[in-house]
Amino acid sequence: MDHPETEHLLPNGDRVWVIATSEAARLLPNLLRLFRSGESEPMVFGDAGQPEGVVIPWALWQRLDALATDEDGFKHMYDTARQRLADPQPSIPLEEAAAEIGWDLDEEVDDSEFRKPR
């Protein structure tokens, strides 16, 4: 019998645990209980140790979807990043880059749903 979890190396060097699809199906009720209790750790699943899908809380999906469909904001950030990568000049400070794309680094961010309950 195959192990229900397999460590998968991502191109950037990070690692994720991939749960076998059959095991992920069995764990869905438990995952829903965790989401309801405030946990937001995603469940990555697939076959043969390859990540093919992910289950995340609905609130997180809504925020990601809103960010992904903000075409004007995305286009501006993409164009800025593309210009920066094409320019052989030295890097600039994070604060300058954030200002250029309209990010306020001092803005309070509600990350409570990403923190584990104490």
C-alpha atoms as a PDB file:
ATOM      1  CA  MET A   1       0.000   0.000   0.000  1.00  0.00           C
ATOM      2  CA  ASP A   2       1.277   3.496  -0.875  1.00  0.00           C
ATOM      3  CA  HIS A   3       1.883   6.011   1.882  1.00  0.00           C
ATOM      4  CA  PRO A   4      -1.022   8.518   2.111  1.00  0.00           C
ATOM      5  CA  GLU A   5       1.353  11.537   2.088  1.00  0.00           C
ATOM      6  CA  THR A   6       4.322  12.283  -0.140  1.00  0.00           C
ATOM      7  CA  GLU A   7       6.774  15.143   0.167  1.00  0.00           C
ATOM      8  CA  HIS A   8       6.991  17.091  -3.107  1.00  0.00           C
ATOM      9  CA  LEU A   9       9.828  19.490  -3.989  1.00  0.00           C
ATOM     10  CA  LEU A  10       8.664  22.691  -5.703  1.00  0.00           C
ATOM     11  CA  PRO A  11      10.797  24.481  -8.343  1.00  0.00           C
ATOM     12  CA  ASN A  12      11.657  27.257  -5.851  1.00  0.00           C
ATOM     13  CA  GLY A  13      13.036  24.721  -3.363  1.00  0.00           C
ATOM     14  CA  ASP A  14      10.035  24.750  -1.019  1.00  0.00           C
ATOM     15  CA  ARG A  15       8.410  21.462  -0.084  1.00  0.00           C
ATOM     16  CA  VAL A  16       4.740  20.556   0.247  1.00  0.00           C
ATOM     17  CA  TRP A  17       3.085  17.411   1.490  1.00  0.00           C
ATOM     18  CA  VAL A  18       0.755  15.884  -1.075  1.00  0.00           C
ATOM     19  CA  ILE A  19      -2.037  13.712   0.291  1.00  0.00           C
ATOM     20  CA  ALA A  20      -3.245  10.818  -1.858  1.00  0.00           C
ATOM     21  CA  THR A  21      -6.627  11.611  -3.422  1.00  0.00           C
ATOM     22  CA  SER A  22      -8.361   8.707  -1.697  1.00  0.00           C
ATOM     23  CA  GLU A  23      -7.008   9.827   1.690  1.00  0.00           C
ATOM     24  CA  ALA A  24      -7.996  13.453   0.987  1.00  0.00           C
ATOM     25  CA  ALA A  25     -11.587  12.339   0.354  1.00  0.00           C
ATOM     26  CA  ARG A  26     -11.602  10.486   3.663  1.00  0.00           C
ATOM     27  CA  LEU A  27     -10.200  13.552   5.504  1.00  0.00           C
ATOM     28  CA  LEU A  28     -12.630  16.161   4.122  1.00  0.00           C
ATOM     29  CA  PRO A  29     -15.018  16.087   7.123  1.00  0.00           C
ATOM     30  CA  ASN A  30     -12.064  16.597   9.502  1.00  0.00           C
ATOM     31  CA  LEU A  31     -10.713  19.427   7.354  1.00  0.00           C
ATOM     32  CA  LEU A  32     -14.092  21.166   7.416  1.00  0.00           C
ATOM     33  CA  ARG A  33     -14.068  20.988  11.234  1.00  0.00           C
ATOM     34  CA  LEU A  34     -10.599  22.570  11.249  1.00  0.00           C
ATOM     35  CA  PHE A  35     -11.722  25.361   8.916  1.00  0.00           C
ATOM     36  CA  ARG A  36     -14.705  26.059  11.169  1.00  0.00           C
ATOM     37  CA  SER A  37     -12.413  26.257  14.202  1.00  0.00           C
ATOM     38  CA  GLY A  38     -10.252  28.896  12.526  1.00  0.00           C
ATOM     39  CA  GLU A  39      -7.510  26.754  11.013  1.00  0.00           C
ATOM     40  CA  SER A  40      -6.774  27.695   7.423  1.00  0.00           C
ATOM     41  CA  GLU A  41      -3.989  25.292   6.487  1.00  0.00           C
ATOM     42  CA  PRO A  42      -4.655  24.126   2.924  1.00  0.00           C
ATOM     43  CA  MET A  43      -4.812  20.449   2.003  1.00  0.00           C
ATOM     44  CA  VAL A  44      -2.822  19.627  -1.138  1.00  0.00           C
ATOM     45  CA  PHE A  45      -3.794  16.389  -2.838  1.00  0.00           C
ATOM     46  CA  GLY A  46      -3.024  14.368  -5.931  1.00  0.00           C
ATOM     47  CA  ASP A  47      -1.853  11.008  -7.152  1.00  0.00           C
ATOM     48  CA  ALA A  48       1.680   9.613  -7.394  1.00  0.00           C
ATOM     49  CA  GLY A  49       2.941  12.385  -5.105  1.00  0.00           C
ATOM     50  CA  GLN A  50       2.138  15.119  -7.637  1.00  0.00           C
ATOM     51  CA  PRO A  51       0.117  18.124  -6.403  1.00  0.00           C
ATOM     52  CA  GLU A  52      -3.053  18.359  -8.501  1.00  0.00           C
ATOM     53  CA  GLY A  53      -5.541  20.164  -6.278  1.00  0.00           C
ATOM     54  CA  VAL A  54      -5.870  22.094  -3.059  1.00  0.00           C
ATOM     55  CA  VAL A  55      -8.683  22.618  -0.567  1.00  0.00           C
ATOM     56  CA  ILE A  56      -8.751  26.028   1.159  1.00  0.00           C
ATOM     57  CA  PRO A  57     -11.307  27.892   3.288  1.00  0.00           C
ATOM     58  CA  TRP A  58     -14.046  29.705   1.358  1.00  0.00           C
ATOM     59  CA  ALA A  59     -13.087  33.136   2.763  1.00  0.00           C
ATOM     60  CA  LEU A  60      -9.537  32.687   1.510  1.00  0.00           C
ATOM     61  CA  TRP A  61     -10.820  31.632  -1.914  1.00  0.00           C
ATOM     62  CA  GLN A  62     -12.968  34.789  -2.116  1.00  0.00           C
ATOM     63  CA  ARG A  63      -9.969  37.026  -1.362  1.00  0.00           C
ATOM     64  CA  LEU A  64      -7.732  35.218  -3.842  1.00  0.00           C
ATOM     65  CA  ASP A  65     -10.425  35.371  -6.506  1.00  0.00           C
ATOM     66  CA  ALA A  66     -10.882  39.120  -5.961  1.00  0.00           C
ATOM     67  CA  LEU A  67      -7.128  39.672  -6.259  1.00  0.00           C
ATOM     68  CA  ALA A  68      -6.873  37.505  -9.366  1.00  0.00           C
ATOM     69  CA  THR A  69      -9.699  39.318 -11.125  1.00  0.00           C
ATOM     70  CA  ASP A  70      -8.445  42.825 -10.333  1.00  0.00           C
ATOM     71  CA  GLU A  71      -7.211  43.222 -13.897  1.00  0.00           C
ATOM     72  CA  ASP A  72      -6.084  46.835 -13.606  1.00  0.00           C
ATOM     73  CA  GLY A  73      -4.076  46.187 -10.451  1.00  0.00           C
ATOM     74  CA  PHE A  74      -2.643  42.969 -11.834  1.00  0.00           C
ATOM     75  CA  LYS A  75      -1.687  44.529 -15.164  1.00  0.00           C
ATOM     76  CA  HIS A  76       0.059  47.424 -13.440  1.00  0.00           C
ATOM     77  CA  MET A  77       2.004  45.109 -11.118  1.00  0.00           C
ATOM     78  CA  TYR A  78       2.855  42.736 -13.971  1.00  0.00           C
ATOM     79  CA  ASP A  79       4.061  45.576 -16.215  1.00  0.00           C
ATOM     80  CA  THR A  80       6.142  47.049 -13.395  1.00  0.00           C
ATOM     81  CA  ALA A  81       7.712  43.679 -12.584  1.00  0.00           C
ATOM     82  CA  ARG A  82       8.436  42.994 -16.259  1.00  0.00           C
ATOM     83  CA  GLN A  83      10.121  46.407 -16.646  1.00  0.00           C
ATOM     84  CA  ARG A  84      12.190  45.849 -13.518  1.00  0.00           C
ATOM     85  CA  LEU A  85      13.367  42.440 -14.697  1.00  0.00           C
ATOM     86  CA  ALA A  86      14.327  43.815 -18.114  1.00  0.00           C
ATOM     87  CA  ASP A  87      16.270  46.720 -16.580  1.00  0.00           C
ATOM     88  CA  PRO A  88      19.892  45.845 -15.703  1.00  0.00           C
ATOM     89  CA  GLN A  89      19.980  48.563 -12.990  1.00  0.00           C
ATOM     90  CA  PRO A  90      20.586  47.591  -9.347  1.00  0.00           C
ATOM     91  CA  SER A  91      17.639  46.639  -7.181  1.00  0.00           C
ATOM     92  CA  ILE A  92      15.685  49.340  -5.393  1.00  0.00           C
ATOM     93  CA  PRO A  93      14.543  49.331  -1.751  1.00  0.00           C
ATOM     94  CA  LEU A  94      11.322  47.490  -0.998  1.00  0.00           C
ATOM     95  CA  GLU A  95       9.647  50.727   0.113  1.00  0.00           C
ATOM     96  CA  GLU A  96      10.245  52.314  -3.307  1.00  0.00           C
ATOM     97  CA  ALA A  97       8.988  49.246  -5.162  1.00  0.00           C
ATOM     98  CA  ALA A  98       5.866  49.125  -2.977  1.00  0.00           C
ATOM     99  CA  ALA A  99       5.172  52.817  -3.577  1.00  0.00           C
ATOM    100  CA  GLU A 100       5.562  52.342  -7.327  1.00  0.00           C
ATOM    101  CA  ILE A 101       2.852  49.683  -7.472  1.00  0.00           C
ATOM    102  CA  GLY A 102       0.616  51.347  -4.912  1.00  0.00           C
ATOM    103  CA  TRP A 103       1.132  49.129  -1.852  1.00  0.00           C
ATOM    104  CA  ASP A 104       1.084  50.731   1.597  1.00  0.00           C
ATOM    105  CA  LEU A 105       3.530  48.737   3.713  1.00  0.00           C
ATOM    106  CA  ASP A 106       2.198  50.389   6.890  1.00  0.00           C
ATOM    107  CA  GLU A 107      -1.411  49.371   6.229  1.00  0.00           C
ATOM    108  CA  GLU A 108      -2.856  47.090   8.885  1.00  0.00           C
ATOM    109  CA  VAL A 109      -3.669  43.666   7.443  1.00  0.00           C
ATOM    110  CA  ASP A 110      -6.144  41.313   9.053  1.00  0.00           C
ATOM    111  CA  ASP A 111      -4.239  38.033   9.020  1.00  0.00           C
ATOM    112  CA  SER A 112      -6.162  36.491  11.912  1.00  0.00           C
ATOM    113  CA  GLU A 113      -7.504  33.620   9.876  1.00  0.00           C
ATOM    114  CA  PHE A 114      -3.974  32.600   8.925  1.00  0.00           C
ATOM    115  CA  ARG A 115      -2.762  32.418  12.529  1.00  0.00           C
ATOM    116  CA  LYS A 116      -3.198  29.247  14.510  1.00  0.00           C
ATOM    117  CA  PRO A 117      -5.478  29.576  17.541  1.00  0.00           C
ATOM    118  CA  ARG A 118      -3.665  29.657  20.868  1.00  0.00           C
END
